[in-house]
């Protein structure tokens, strides 16, 4: 099948905008919580009703107006994920302004580009450190009139300054935008080149979220539905969920320090979780390493993990799991699964995963322990999800069918193309890139995939990442990289081999998983540098490579690998803020290591 469409559930009024979503929530359930926040670190979660949250939005919007923010003005938000981020977002829309997010890890050069390209007039930074980064480039960003700092009381100052702005002015501004008007500019985190500013409209968010609620109501609109955001709100995925919670009826919480994530999940008790696959991998790996403290516990954990996967696969088979498997699953639940669910807060039933492929093994593992992972697919340019697995119809290993009102087609060369109300209107001040990204009115994603007869999309790779070996074999690295990253020793993988005689891989050791693995294998004395050449480590990774190679043909298999001296991180510039590998930078900077893979080898091409 080359094309699949899902009919829309909601037909929008073209005069609506995002403010109408919040107004509807206030009108429907004014006294029910919409947000919970902590007033002091590690304090209790304090609910804000829809009416109270709306009042805070209006008060802050008045402050923006008093500060000189005009309709259409860009307001930069340079912060970690926290309640004030969401408050600023909705206040900007109430003031008819356009919020522009900046990743809290952005460098001064990246900040300068976003401030100048989007013409930010007011920048709200989280901390003195963020303000200092902006100060480095302030002289070259003439449109920025002022920088305010949240930690220095910026929100309270804005509210105080806006007390004389009449309610009627905010009511007027809330009605200015229509569906086709600009709501935000989100800059792609960019694995190559300068970030491009995707212009997303009120309609992109409003129509998408309202239709998504129609299909995900069981997740976001059940009694007691709540989620804790810990992904960067500068990323479109978290931003989508921030908006989705309003028409969905769910309660939203925020946490900015992932080091305390387990404790925060335990106290907030989300019913659904938003994350990227790497987080799910780390939860699994850390649980396995914790069990490895004794051979008996490790044996039980691995048996329970295998049982979860087998049980989940059996759910898709005719007749479901047999009686013997149900009994084993019940025992494994008492011994292992309950503890893992407790680590996620104890109430999580659903998870929405995106940003990278999750992999069938993890998908089945988590469903087997009672957490249904709904894997989806989308980009910044599609306001996050274009497709997603649904509670009633999930196919693990796919990213689901198109959301209502959306369409997917596969081009002749295998590229995924998308159409629907979620697709952006273009790149800010970049007509050439905008024109290049569309084909006959369809957005060209750059990803490769296939559709089954029910419209479920399967991602097979990234078009620009296809490796062509010296023998002319086309290899998509994603399947090998995803499987290798599931190993507890491995943090990141970059498969290489373009114009080379065979496929190789650069591997980094996981600094969090390594100490536990070394301790349980009798090598606790080894340093990270020594572990790179340890026969035990090399043998374990070699076995992982052999397992990964079972998924591909001989010509596509990894013949050699090298362990790099350090991890690939956001801080050293090899990962984007959404944890995608900057492949071009890695290949350029580690060219010597790649060459060494091919200098002397008995491996041969097929």
Protein backbone atom coordinates (compact mmCIF):
# COMPACT_ATOMS: atom_id res chain seq x y z
CA UNK A 1 0.00 0.00 0.00
CA UNK A 2 1.34 3.43 -0.96
CA UNK A 3 -1.13 5.72 0.85
CA UNK A 4 -3.45 5.66 3.85
CA UNK A 5 -5.81 8.29 5.25
CA UNK A 6 -7.73 8.48 8.51
CA UNK A 7 -10.94 10.56 8.45
CA UNK A 8 -11.06 13.57 10.75
CA UNK A 9 -13.15 13.37 13.91
CA UNK A 10 -13.30 17.13 14.48
CA UNK A 11 -13.94 19.76 11.85
CA UNK A 12 -12.54 23.05 13.17
CA UNK A 13 -13.98 26.54 13.06
CA UNK A 14 -11.38 28.61 11.12
CA UNK A 15 -11.86 31.53 13.53
CA UNK A 16 -10.71 29.50 16.55
CA UNK A 17 -7.30 29.61 18.20
CA UNK A 18 -5.48 27.97 21.09
CA UNK A 19 -7.10 30.29 23.64
CA UNK A 20 -10.43 28.63 22.86
CA UNK A 21 -9.08 25.29 24.14
CA UNK A 22 -8.36 26.75 27.55
CA UNK A 23 -11.66 28.67 27.59
CA UNK A 24 -13.54 25.43 26.91
CA UNK A 25 -11.70 23.65 29.75
CA UNK A 26 -12.55 26.48 32.16
CA UNK A 27 -16.18 26.47 31.07
CA UNK A 28 -16.55 22.68 31.34
CA UNK A 29 -14.68 21.98 34.59
CA UNK A 30 -13.77 25.28 36.26
CA UNK A 31 -13.09 23.75 39.67
CA UNK A 32 -11.16 20.67 38.60
CA UNK A 33 -7.36 20.66 38.63
CA UNK A 34 -5.59 21.39 35.37
CA UNK A 35 -2.04 21.69 36.75
CA UNK A 36 -0.22 20.58 39.88
CA UNK A 37 2.99 22.31 40.95
CA UNK A 38 5.44 22.40 43.81
CA UNK A 39 5.76 25.70 45.61
CA UNK A 40 8.99 24.53 47.28
CA UNK A 41 11.48 21.86 46.17
CA UNK A 42 10.39 18.35 47.22
CA UNK A 43 7.21 19.84 48.67
CA UNK A 44 3.68 18.56 48.07
CA UNK A 45 2.03 18.86 44.68
CA UNK A 46 -0.44 21.76 44.91
CA UNK A 47 -3.35 21.70 42.45
CA UNK A 48 -4.50 24.67 40.40
CA UNK A 49 -8.05 24.51 39.11
CA UNK A 50 -8.83 25.48 35.54
CA UNK A 51 -10.28 28.77 36.82
CA UNK A 52 -7.19 29.50 38.93
CA UNK A 53 -4.76 28.62 36.13
CA UNK A 54 -6.68 30.82 33.69
CA UNK A 55 -6.50 33.70 36.17
CA UNK A 56 -2.71 33.31 36.40
CA UNK A 57 -2.50 33.22 32.60
CA UNK A 58 -4.50 36.45 32.32
CA UNK A 59 -2.45 38.19 35.01
CA UNK A 60 0.81 37.29 33.30
CA UNK A 61 -0.55 38.23 29.88
CA UNK A 62 -1.37 41.67 31.29
CA UNK A 63 2.24 41.93 32.46
CA UNK A 64 3.50 41.15 28.97
CA UNK A 65 1.20 43.81 27.51
CA UNK A 66 2.40 46.36 30.08
CA UNK A 67 5.98 45.48 29.16
CA UNK A 68 5.33 46.52 25.57
CA UNK A 69 4.63 43.15 23.95
CA UNK A 70 2.43 43.77 20.91
CA UNK A 71 0.31 41.24 18.98
CA UNK A 72 2.64 39.12 16.86
CA UNK A 73 5.73 39.97 18.91
CA UNK A 74 8.14 37.12 19.61
CA UNK A 75 8.77 36.22 23.25
CA UNK A 76 11.72 33.91 23.84
CA UNK A 77 11.54 31.26 26.61
CA UNK A 78 15.00 30.03 27.62
CA UNK A 79 14.38 27.55 30.40
CA UNK A 80 14.21 23.99 31.64
CA UNK A 81 10.84 22.28 31.91
CA UNK A 82 8.92 23.88 34.79
CA UNK A 83 5.47 25.25 35.58
CA UNK A 84 6.47 28.80 34.60
CA UNK A 85 7.27 27.55 31.09
CA UNK A 86 3.69 26.41 30.52
CA UNK A 87 2.32 29.54 32.19
CA UNK A 88 4.38 31.74 29.87
CA UNK A 89 3.26 29.77 26.84
CA UNK A 90 -0.43 30.28 27.51
CA UNK A 91 0.12 33.89 28.61
CA UNK A 92 1.86 34.66 25.32
CA UNK A 93 -1.08 33.26 23.39
CA UNK A 94 -3.49 35.23 25.58
CA UNK A 95 -1.51 38.38 24.73
CA UNK A 96 -1.54 37.43 21.00
CA UNK A 97 2.25 37.03 21.12
CA UNK A 98 4.35 34.24 19.61
CA UNK A 99 6.44 32.21 22.11
CA UNK A 100 9.81 31.03 20.77
CA UNK A 101 11.47 28.24 22.79
CA UNK A 102 15.21 27.92 23.30
CA UNK A 103 16.74 24.71 24.64
CA UNK A 104 18.16 25.22 28.11
CA UNK A 105 21.40 23.64 26.86
CA UNK A 106 21.75 26.05 23.91
CA UNK A 107 25.13 27.65 23.33
CA UNK A 108 25.58 31.40 22.93
CA UNK A 109 25.92 30.95 19.17
CA UNK A 110 22.65 28.99 18.99
CA UNK A 111 20.90 31.55 21.18
CA UNK A 112 22.09 34.36 18.93
CA UNK A 113 20.79 32.61 15.82
CA UNK A 114 17.33 32.01 17.27
CA UNK A 115 17.02 35.50 18.77
CA UNK A 116 17.97 37.20 15.52
CA UNK A 117 16.29 34.85 13.05
CA UNK A 118 12.94 35.00 14.87
CA UNK A 119 13.38 38.64 15.97
CA UNK A 120 12.65 38.03 19.65
CA UNK A 121 11.68 41.26 21.44
CA UNK A 122 11.48 39.99 25.03
CA UNK A 123 13.52 37.07 26.38
CA UNK A 124 12.52 35.29 29.58
CA UNK A 125 15.42 33.23 30.91
CA UNK A 126 15.23 30.76 33.75
CA UNK A 127 18.42 31.52 35.67
CA UNK A 128 21.37 33.85 35.93
CA UNK A 129 23.39 31.31 33.92
CA UNK A 130 20.88 31.42 31.07
CA UNK A 131 20.82 35.20 31.20
CA UNK A 132 24.63 35.25 31.08
CA UNK A 133 24.58 33.11 27.93
CA UNK A 134 22.17 35.57 26.33
CA UNK A 135 24.29 38.50 27.53
CA UNK A 136 27.25 37.17 25.53
CA UNK A 137 25.39 37.87 22.29
CA UNK A 138 22.97 40.60 23.32
CA UNK A 139 24.87 43.29 21.44
CA UNK A 140 24.35 41.39 18.19
CA UNK A 141 20.62 40.86 18.81
CA UNK A 142 19.18 44.37 18.40
CA UNK A 143 15.51 43.33 18.51
CA UNK A 144 15.83 42.05 22.11
CA UNK A 145 14.66 44.95 24.27
CA UNK A 146 14.87 43.19 27.60
CA UNK A 147 15.92 39.96 29.34
CA UNK A 148 13.98 38.89 32.43
CA UNK A 149 15.01 36.07 34.78
CA UNK A 150 12.47 33.67 36.31
CA UNK A 151 14.69 32.84 39.29
CA UNK A 152 14.97 36.57 40.03
CA UNK A 153 11.20 37.00 40.29
CA UNK A 154 10.37 37.81 36.66
CA UNK A 155 6.88 36.28 36.81
CA UNK A 156 5.81 38.20 39.93
CA UNK A 157 7.31 41.40 38.51
CA UNK A 158 5.37 41.02 35.27
CA UNK A 159 2.13 40.31 37.11
CA UNK A 160 2.60 43.35 39.35
CA UNK A 161 3.39 45.54 36.36
CA UNK A 162 0.26 44.48 34.51
CA UNK A 163 -2.33 45.24 37.20
CA UNK A 164 -3.58 48.35 35.38
CA UNK A 165 -4.12 46.59 32.06
CA UNK A 166 -7.88 46.06 31.68
CA UNK A 167 -9.36 42.57 31.32
CA UNK A 168 -10.98 43.74 28.10
CA UNK A 169 -7.57 44.11 26.45
CA UNK A 170 -6.70 40.47 27.10
CA UNK A 171 -10.16 39.38 25.96
CA UNK A 172 -9.62 41.36 22.75
CA UNK A 173 -6.18 39.90 22.13
CA UNK A 174 -7.34 36.36 22.82
CA UNK A 175 -9.69 36.65 19.88
CA UNK A 176 -7.24 38.08 17.35
CA UNK A 177 -5.61 34.90 16.04
CA UNK A 178 -7.30 32.40 13.76
CA UNK A 179 -6.31 28.84 12.93
CA UNK A 180 -3.94 29.86 10.15
CA UNK A 181 -2.07 32.41 12.29
CA UNK A 182 1.37 31.78 13.76
CA UNK A 183 1.39 30.26 17.26
CA UNK A 184 5.09 29.53 17.75
CA UNK A 185 8.41 29.09 15.96
CA UNK A 186 10.22 25.93 17.03
CA UNK A 187 13.79 25.52 15.90
CA UNK A 188 14.80 22.04 14.86
CA UNK A 189 17.55 20.74 17.10
CA UNK A 190 19.49 20.01 13.93
CA UNK A 191 21.78 17.03 13.41
CA UNK A 192 23.49 19.07 10.69
CA UNK A 193 23.73 22.77 9.88
CA UNK A 194 21.93 25.69 11.45
CA UNK A 195 18.55 25.01 13.05
CA UNK A 196 15.56 25.89 10.90
CA UNK A 197 12.60 27.63 12.49
CA UNK A 198 9.40 25.67 11.88
CA UNK A 199 6.38 27.98 11.86
CA UNK A 200 3.53 26.20 13.63
CA UNK A 201 0.06 27.70 13.64
CA UNK A 202 -2.77 27.78 16.13
CA UNK A 203 -4.53 25.29 13.86
CA UNK A 204 -1.57 22.92 13.85
CA UNK A 205 -1.84 22.50 17.63
CA UNK A 206 -5.57 22.97 18.11
CA UNK A 207 -6.88 20.69 15.36
CA UNK A 208 -4.23 18.04 16.03
CA UNK A 209 -4.84 17.87 19.79
CA UNK A 210 -8.63 17.85 19.51
CA UNK A 211 -8.52 15.00 16.99
CA UNK A 212 -5.88 13.19 19.06
CA UNK A 213 -8.13 13.34 22.13
CA UNK A 214 -10.76 11.59 20.05
CA UNK A 215 -8.44 8.62 19.56
CA UNK A 216 -6.45 8.78 22.82
CA UNK A 217 -9.31 9.57 25.16
CA UNK A 218 -8.69 6.42 27.18
CA UNK A 219 -5.20 7.74 27.92
CA UNK A 220 -5.74 11.46 28.49
CA UNK A 221 -9.42 11.76 29.35
CA UNK A 222 -10.08 8.96 31.83
CA UNK A 223 -10.92 9.94 35.44
CA UNK A 224 -7.68 10.77 37.23
CA UNK A 225 -5.55 11.03 34.06
CA UNK A 226 -2.29 12.86 34.81
CA UNK A 227 1.20 13.14 33.40
CA UNK A 228 4.54 14.49 34.60
CA UNK A 229 6.53 16.32 31.92
CA UNK A 230 10.29 15.91 32.18
CA UNK A 231 11.25 16.21 28.52
CA UNK A 232 12.37 19.69 27.36
CA UNK A 233 9.38 21.90 26.62
CA UNK A 234 11.54 23.47 23.92
CA UNK A 235 10.92 20.23 22.02
CA UNK A 236 7.71 19.88 20.01
CA UNK A 237 6.87 16.49 21.55
CA UNK A 238 6.54 17.87 25.10
CA UNK A 239 4.85 21.00 23.77
CA UNK A 240 2.20 18.88 22.03
CA UNK A 241 1.41 17.07 25.29
CA UNK A 242 1.33 20.38 27.18
CA UNK A 243 -1.46 21.50 24.86
CA UNK A 244 -3.08 18.05 24.60
CA UNK A 245 -3.75 17.98 28.35
CA UNK A 246 -6.05 21.01 28.07
CA UNK A 247 -8.72 19.56 25.73
CA UNK A 248 -7.94 16.08 27.05
CA UNK A 249 -8.84 16.90 30.63
CA UNK A 250 -5.63 15.51 32.14
CA UNK A 251 -3.65 17.07 34.99
CA UNK A 252 -0.17 18.31 34.05
CA UNK A 253 2.93 18.38 36.25
CA UNK A 254 6.52 19.43 35.55
CA UNK A 255 9.96 18.38 36.74
CA UNK A 256 13.22 19.82 35.47
CA UNK A 257 15.82 17.63 37.19
CA UNK A 258 15.87 14.11 35.75
CA UNK A 259 18.29 13.06 38.50
CA UNK A 260 15.28 13.11 40.83
CA UNK A 261 12.92 11.61 38.25
CA UNK A 262 12.19 8.37 40.10
CA UNK A 263 11.30 10.23 43.29
CA UNK A 264 9.21 12.75 41.35
CA UNK A 265 7.34 9.98 39.53
CA UNK A 266 6.70 8.26 42.84
CA UNK A 267 5.22 11.41 44.40
CA UNK A 268 3.25 12.65 41.36
CA UNK A 269 1.96 9.20 40.31
CA UNK A 270 1.29 9.81 36.60
CA UNK A 271 -1.15 7.59 34.75
CA UNK A 272 0.64 8.17 31.45
CA UNK A 273 4.23 9.01 30.69
CA UNK A 274 5.79 10.86 27.78
CA UNK A 275 9.36 9.89 26.92
CA UNK A 276 11.93 8.94 24.33
CA UNK A 277 13.17 5.34 23.90
CA UNK A 278 16.51 6.02 25.58
CA UNK A 279 14.73 6.57 28.91
CA UNK A 280 12.90 3.26 28.59
CA UNK A 281 16.19 1.56 27.74
CA UNK A 282 17.85 3.03 30.84
CA UNK A 283 15.00 1.95 33.11
CA UNK A 284 15.33 -1.61 31.81
CA UNK A 285 19.14 -1.64 31.99
CA UNK A 286 19.29 -0.16 35.48
CA UNK A 287 16.74 -2.71 36.71
CA UNK A 288 18.81 -5.52 35.21
CA UNK A 289 21.99 -4.18 36.79
CA UNK A 290 20.30 -3.84 40.17
CA UNK A 291 19.18 -7.47 39.92
CA UNK A 292 22.74 -8.47 39.00
CA UNK A 293 23.81 -7.91 42.60
CA UNK A 294 23.26 -11.64 43.04
CA UNK A 295 23.18 -14.51 40.51
CA UNK A 296 19.78 -15.67 41.82
CA UNK A 297 18.16 -12.24 41.45
CA UNK A 298 19.64 -11.81 37.96
CA UNK A 299 18.29 -15.21 36.91
CA UNK A 300 14.82 -14.26 38.19
CA UNK A 301 14.91 -10.88 36.44
CA UNK A 302 15.92 -12.35 33.10
CA UNK A 303 13.27 -15.05 33.40
CA UNK A 304 10.66 -12.40 34.22
CA UNK A 305 11.79 -10.21 31.30
CA UNK A 306 11.57 -13.15 28.90
CA UNK A 307 8.15 -14.05 30.31
CA UNK A 308 6.90 -10.47 29.81
CA UNK A 309 8.01 -10.48 26.17
CA UNK A 310 6.55 -13.93 25.49
CA UNK A 311 3.29 -12.97 27.22
CA UNK A 312 2.99 -9.73 25.24
CA UNK A 313 3.60 -11.52 21.94
CA UNK A 314 0.96 -14.09 22.90
CA UNK A 315 -1.58 -11.29 23.41
CA UNK A 316 -1.44 -10.71 19.65
CA UNK A 317 -1.90 -14.39 18.81
CA UNK A 318 -5.20 -16.19 18.29
CA UNK A 319 -6.56 -17.34 21.62
CA UNK A 320 -4.17 -15.18 23.63
CA UNK A 321 -1.66 -16.45 26.21
CA UNK A 322 -2.10 -20.10 27.22
CA UNK A 323 -2.87 -20.99 30.84
CA UNK A 324 0.70 -21.98 31.73
CA UNK A 325 2.00 -18.64 30.45
CA UNK A 326 -0.64 -16.72 32.39
CA UNK A 327 0.45 -18.47 35.58
CA UNK A 328 4.12 -17.69 34.94
CA UNK A 329 3.20 -14.09 34.16
CA UNK A 330 1.27 -13.80 37.42
CA UNK A 331 4.26 -15.08 39.39
CA UNK A 332 6.65 -12.75 37.56
CA UNK A 333 4.33 -9.86 38.36
CA UNK A 334 4.63 -10.56 42.08
CA UNK A 335 8.40 -10.99 41.94
CA UNK A 336 9.50 -8.30 39.46
CA UNK A 337 6.90 -6.32 37.52
CA UNK A 338 5.31 -4.64 40.52
CA UNK A 339 8.66 -3.17 41.55
CA UNK A 340 9.27 -1.77 38.08
CA UNK A 341 5.81 -0.21 37.94
CA UNK A 342 6.50 1.32 41.36
CA UNK A 343 9.64 2.97 39.93
CA UNK A 344 7.36 4.72 37.42
CA UNK A 345 5.04 5.97 40.14
CA UNK A 346 2.89 2.88 40.56
CA UNK A 347 -0.09 4.22 38.59
CA UNK A 348 1.29 4.48 35.06
CA UNK A 349 -0.71 2.40 32.61
CA UNK A 350 0.25 4.15 29.38
CA UNK A 351 3.37 5.63 27.85
CA UNK A 352 3.71 7.65 24.67
CA UNK A 353 7.09 7.08 23.05
CA UNK A 354 8.58 9.05 20.18
CA UNK A 355 11.68 10.72 18.86
CA UNK A 356 13.38 7.45 17.84
CA UNK A 357 12.42 3.80 17.32
CA UNK A 358 11.63 1.95 20.53
CA UNK A 359 12.21 -1.54 19.19
CA UNK A 360 9.94 -4.58 19.45
CA UNK A 361 11.81 -6.12 22.40
CA UNK A 362 11.24 -3.14 24.70
CA UNK A 363 7.71 -2.63 23.43
CA UNK A 364 6.76 -6.19 24.32
CA UNK A 365 8.69 -6.06 27.62
CA UNK A 366 6.83 -3.01 28.89
CA UNK A 367 3.42 -4.21 27.72
CA UNK A 368 4.18 -7.51 29.41
CA UNK A 369 4.77 -5.80 32.76
CA UNK A 370 1.60 -3.74 32.44
CA UNK A 371 2.72 -0.47 30.81
CA UNK A 372 1.23 -0.06 27.34
CA UNK A 373 3.72 1.89 25.23
CA UNK A 374 1.99 3.70 22.38
CA UNK A 375 4.81 4.37 19.94
CA UNK A 376 4.24 7.25 17.56
CA UNK A 377 6.00 9.12 14.80
CA UNK A 378 6.33 12.76 13.87
CA UNK A 379 8.68 15.70 13.49
CA UNK A 380 8.88 19.32 14.54
CA UNK A 381 7.35 20.15 11.17
CA UNK A 382 4.31 17.99 11.95
CA UNK A 383 3.68 19.41 15.44
CA UNK A 384 4.91 16.09 16.85
CA UNK A 385 2.70 13.06 16.12
CA UNK A 386 1.42 12.27 12.65
CA UNK A 387 0.87 8.60 13.48
CA UNK A 388 0.50 6.76 16.77
CA UNK A 389 -0.54 3.36 18.02
CA UNK A 390 -3.91 3.45 19.72
CA UNK A 391 -5.12 1.85 22.96
CA UNK A 392 -7.54 -0.41 21.11
CA UNK A 393 -5.29 -1.20 18.14
CA UNK A 394 -1.58 -1.48 18.78
CA UNK A 395 1.00 -3.20 16.62
CA UNK A 396 4.31 -3.30 18.43
CA UNK A 397 7.15 -2.60 16.02
CA UNK A 398 5.09 -0.03 14.13
CA UNK A 399 4.38 3.64 14.89
CA UNK A 400 0.66 3.23 14.28
CA UNK A 401 -1.78 4.59 11.71
CA UNK A 402 -2.30 8.28 10.86
CA UNK A 403 -4.16 10.32 13.44
CA UNK A 404 -7.67 11.48 12.43
CA UNK A 405 -7.55 13.98 9.57
CA UNK A 406 -4.05 12.93 8.55
CA UNK A 407 -2.57 10.96 5.68
CA UNK A 408 0.64 9.05 5.02
CA UNK A 409 2.05 7.94 1.70
CA UNK A 410 5.23 6.19 0.66
CA UNK A 411 7.08 7.70 -2.30
CA UNK A 412 8.67 5.57 -5.00
CA UNK A 413 12.06 5.73 -3.27
CA UNK A 414 10.52 4.66 0.07
CA UNK A 415 10.41 8.13 1.66
CA UNK A 416 7.54 8.82 4.06
CA UNK A 417 5.40 11.80 3.05
CA UNK A 418 2.72 13.37 5.26
CA UNK A 419 -0.32 15.57 4.83
CA UNK A 420 -2.78 16.94 7.35
CA UNK A 421 -3.72 19.82 9.67
CA UNK A 422 -0.60 19.17 11.77
CA UNK A 423 1.87 19.99 8.97
CA UNK A 424 3.67 23.30 9.46
CA UNK A 425 3.28 26.22 7.11
CA UNK A 426 6.99 26.57 6.36
CA UNK A 427 10.42 27.49 7.67
CA UNK A 428 10.78 31.00 9.05
CA UNK A 429 12.52 33.30 6.57
CA UNK A 430 13.69 30.32 4.49
CA UNK A 431 11.58 29.94 1.36
CA UNK A 432 14.10 27.68 -0.37
CA UNK A 433 14.09 25.11 2.43
CA UNK A 434 10.30 25.30 2.61
CA UNK A 435 9.90 24.62 -1.11
CA UNK A 436 12.36 21.74 -0.93
CA UNK A 437 10.46 20.08 1.93
CA UNK A 438 7.20 19.69 -0.01
CA UNK A 439 6.27 17.45 -2.95
CA UNK A 440 2.85 17.91 -4.54
CA UNK A 441 1.56 19.37 -1.30
CA UNK A 442 2.97 16.51 0.80
CA UNK A 443 5.65 17.09 3.42
CA UNK A 444 8.80 15.10 2.72
CA UNK A 445 10.02 13.71 6.03
CA UNK A 446 13.41 12.36 4.97
CA UNK A 447 12.54 9.09 6.71
CA UNK A 448 12.00 5.72 5.05
CA UNK A 449 9.14 3.38 5.83
CA UNK A 450 6.35 1.11 4.75
CA UNK A 451 2.60 0.82 5.31
CA UNK A 452 0.67 -2.36 5.98
CA UNK A 453 -2.87 -3.03 4.77
CA UNK A 454 -4.38 -1.37 7.87
CA UNK A 455 -2.32 1.79 7.48
CA UNK A 456 0.18 1.07 10.27
CA UNK A 457 3.49 2.73 9.50
CA UNK A 458 6.83 1.03 10.07
CA UNK A 459 10.02 3.13 10.07
CA UNK A 460 12.94 1.49 8.29
CA UNK A 461 15.57 4.22 8.38
CA UNK A 462 16.61 7.77 7.62
CA UNK A 463 17.03 8.62 3.94
CA UNK A 464 20.17 10.70 4.49
CA UNK A 465 21.67 8.03 6.74
CA UNK A 466 21.51 5.18 4.24
CA UNK A 467 24.98 3.67 3.95
CA UNK A 468 26.13 2.41 0.56
CA UNK A 469 29.03 0.00 0.90
CA UNK A 470 31.81 -0.37 -1.65
CA UNK A 471 29.94 -3.39 -3.00
CA UNK A 472 26.85 -1.23 -3.61
CA UNK A 473 24.77 -2.65 -0.74
CA UNK A 474 22.29 -0.17 0.78
CA UNK A 475 22.24 -0.45 4.58
CA UNK A 476 19.86 1.36 6.98
CA UNK A 477 21.84 1.71 10.24
CA UNK A 478 18.85 2.22 12.56
CA UNK A 479 17.94 -1.44 13.06
CA UNK A 480 21.50 -2.35 14.10
CA UNK A 481 21.95 0.73 16.29
CA UNK A 482 18.65 0.24 18.09
CA UNK A 483 19.40 -3.39 18.92
CA UNK A 484 22.92 -2.69 20.15
CA UNK A 485 21.78 0.17 22.40
CA UNK A 486 19.67 -2.31 24.35
CA UNK A 487 22.86 -3.79 25.84
CA UNK A 488 23.47 -2.53 29.41
CA UNK A 489 27.11 -1.66 28.63
CA UNK A 490 26.32 0.42 25.56
CA UNK A 491 25.25 4.05 25.56
CA UNK A 492 25.47 5.11 21.90
CA UNK A 493 26.17 3.44 18.57
CA UNK A 494 27.10 4.90 15.19
CA UNK A 495 27.10 2.39 12.34
CA UNK A 496 29.55 3.28 9.55
CA UNK A 497 30.63 1.81 6.23
CA UNK A 498 29.83 4.29 3.46
CA UNK A 499 32.01 3.36 0.43
CA UNK A 500 33.81 0.84 2.64
CA UNK A 501 34.17 -2.92 2.13
CA UNK A 502 31.95 -3.83 5.10
CA UNK A 503 29.84 -2.40 7.91
CA UNK A 504 31.51 -1.30 11.15
CA UNK A 505 30.38 0.45 14.31
CA UNK A 506 31.59 3.04 16.79
CA UNK A 507 30.37 2.26 20.29
CA UNK A 508 30.42 4.21 23.56
CA UNK A 509 30.19 2.68 27.03
CA UNK A 510 27.35 3.75 29.30
CA UNK A 511 28.95 5.54 32.29
CA UNK A 512 25.88 4.74 34.42
CA UNK A 513 25.57 1.07 33.53
CA UNK A 514 29.28 0.23 33.35
CA UNK A 515 30.19 0.26 37.09
CA UNK A 516 27.36 -2.13 38.01
CA UNK A 517 28.20 -4.48 35.16
CA UNK A 518 31.89 -4.52 36.06
CA UNK A 519 31.11 -5.17 39.73
CA UNK A 520 28.83 -8.12 39.00
CA UNK A 521 31.36 -9.63 36.60
CA UNK A 522 34.31 -9.40 38.97
CA UNK A 523 35.99 -6.40 37.37
CA UNK A 524 35.05 -3.58 39.75
CA UNK A 525 38.66 -2.39 39.82
CA UNK A 526 38.65 -1.35 36.16
CA UNK A 527 38.47 2.30 35.14
CA UNK A 528 36.44 3.47 32.15
CA UNK A 529 39.60 3.64 30.06
CA UNK A 530 40.67 0.15 31.12
CA UNK A 531 37.19 -1.22 30.41
CA UNK A 532 37.54 -0.19 26.76
CA UNK A 533 40.17 -2.88 26.26
CA UNK A 534 38.95 -5.40 28.82
CA UNK A 535 38.53 -8.86 27.25
CA UNK A 536 35.34 -9.40 29.27
CA UNK A 537 33.79 -6.13 28.04
CA UNK A 538 34.85 -6.76 24.47
CA UNK A 539 33.47 -10.31 24.56
CA UNK A 540 30.12 -9.10 25.92
CA UNK A 541 29.78 -6.44 23.24
CA UNK A 542 30.89 -8.93 20.58
CA UNK A 543 28.01 -11.19 21.60
CA UNK A 544 25.63 -8.20 21.44
CA UNK A 545 26.88 -7.48 17.90
CA UNK A 546 26.24 -11.11 16.95
CA UNK A 547 22.68 -10.86 18.26
CA UNK A 548 22.06 -7.59 16.42
CA UNK A 549 23.41 -9.09 13.19
CA UNK A 550 20.68 -11.73 13.25
CA UNK A 551 18.24 -9.01 12.16
CA UNK A 552 20.07 -8.30 8.89
CA UNK A 553 21.73 -10.08 6.00
CA UNK A 554 25.41 -11.01 5.98
CA UNK A 555 26.21 -8.06 3.72
CA UNK A 556 24.54 -5.67 6.19
CA UNK A 557 26.09 -7.11 9.34
CA UNK A 558 28.65 -5.41 11.57
CA UNK A 559 32.07 -7.04 11.12
CA UNK A 560 34.15 -4.85 13.45
CA UNK A 561 33.56 -2.27 16.15
CA UNK A 562 35.63 0.17 18.18
CA UNK A 563 34.86 1.58 21.61
CA UNK A 564 35.30 5.34 21.72
CA UNK A 565 37.08 6.97 24.69
CA UNK A 566 34.01 8.82 25.97
CA UNK A 567 30.26 9.00 25.61
CA UNK A 568 28.36 11.02 23.02
CA UNK A 569 26.47 13.73 24.90
CA UNK A 570 24.65 17.02 24.45
CA UNK A 571 27.48 18.75 26.31
CA UNK A 572 30.20 17.65 23.88
CA UNK A 573 28.05 18.43 20.86
CA UNK A 574 27.47 14.90 19.57
CA UNK A 575 23.81 14.65 20.62
CA UNK A 576 20.95 17.03 19.91
CA UNK A 577 18.74 18.10 22.82
CA UNK A 578 16.26 15.38 21.82
CA UNK A 579 19.13 12.84 22.07
CA UNK A 580 19.58 12.26 18.33
CA UNK A 581 23.15 11.61 17.22
CA UNK A 582 24.84 14.33 15.19
CA UNK A 583 26.14 11.70 12.80
CA UNK A 584 28.08 14.08 10.56
CA UNK A 585 30.01 15.49 13.51
CA UNK A 586 30.81 12.03 14.88
CA UNK A 587 32.04 10.73 11.53
CA UNK A 588 34.17 13.85 11.01
CA UNK A 589 35.73 13.96 14.48
CA UNK A 590 36.34 10.21 14.73
CA UNK A 591 37.59 9.70 11.20
CA UNK A 592 40.82 8.13 12.52
CA UNK A 593 38.88 5.54 14.54
CA UNK A 594 36.76 4.72 11.49
CA UNK A 595 39.83 4.37 9.28
CA UNK A 596 41.34 2.02 11.88
CA UNK A 597 38.37 -0.32 11.46
CA UNK A 598 39.40 -0.92 7.86
CA UNK A 599 43.20 -0.71 7.98
CA UNK A 600 43.94 -4.33 8.86
CA UNK A 601 41.17 -6.82 8.89
CA UNK A 602 40.38 -10.31 7.78
CA UNK A 603 36.76 -9.23 7.32
CA UNK A 604 35.64 -9.18 3.74
CA UNK A 605 32.74 -7.83 1.74
CA UNK A 606 30.03 -10.02 0.25
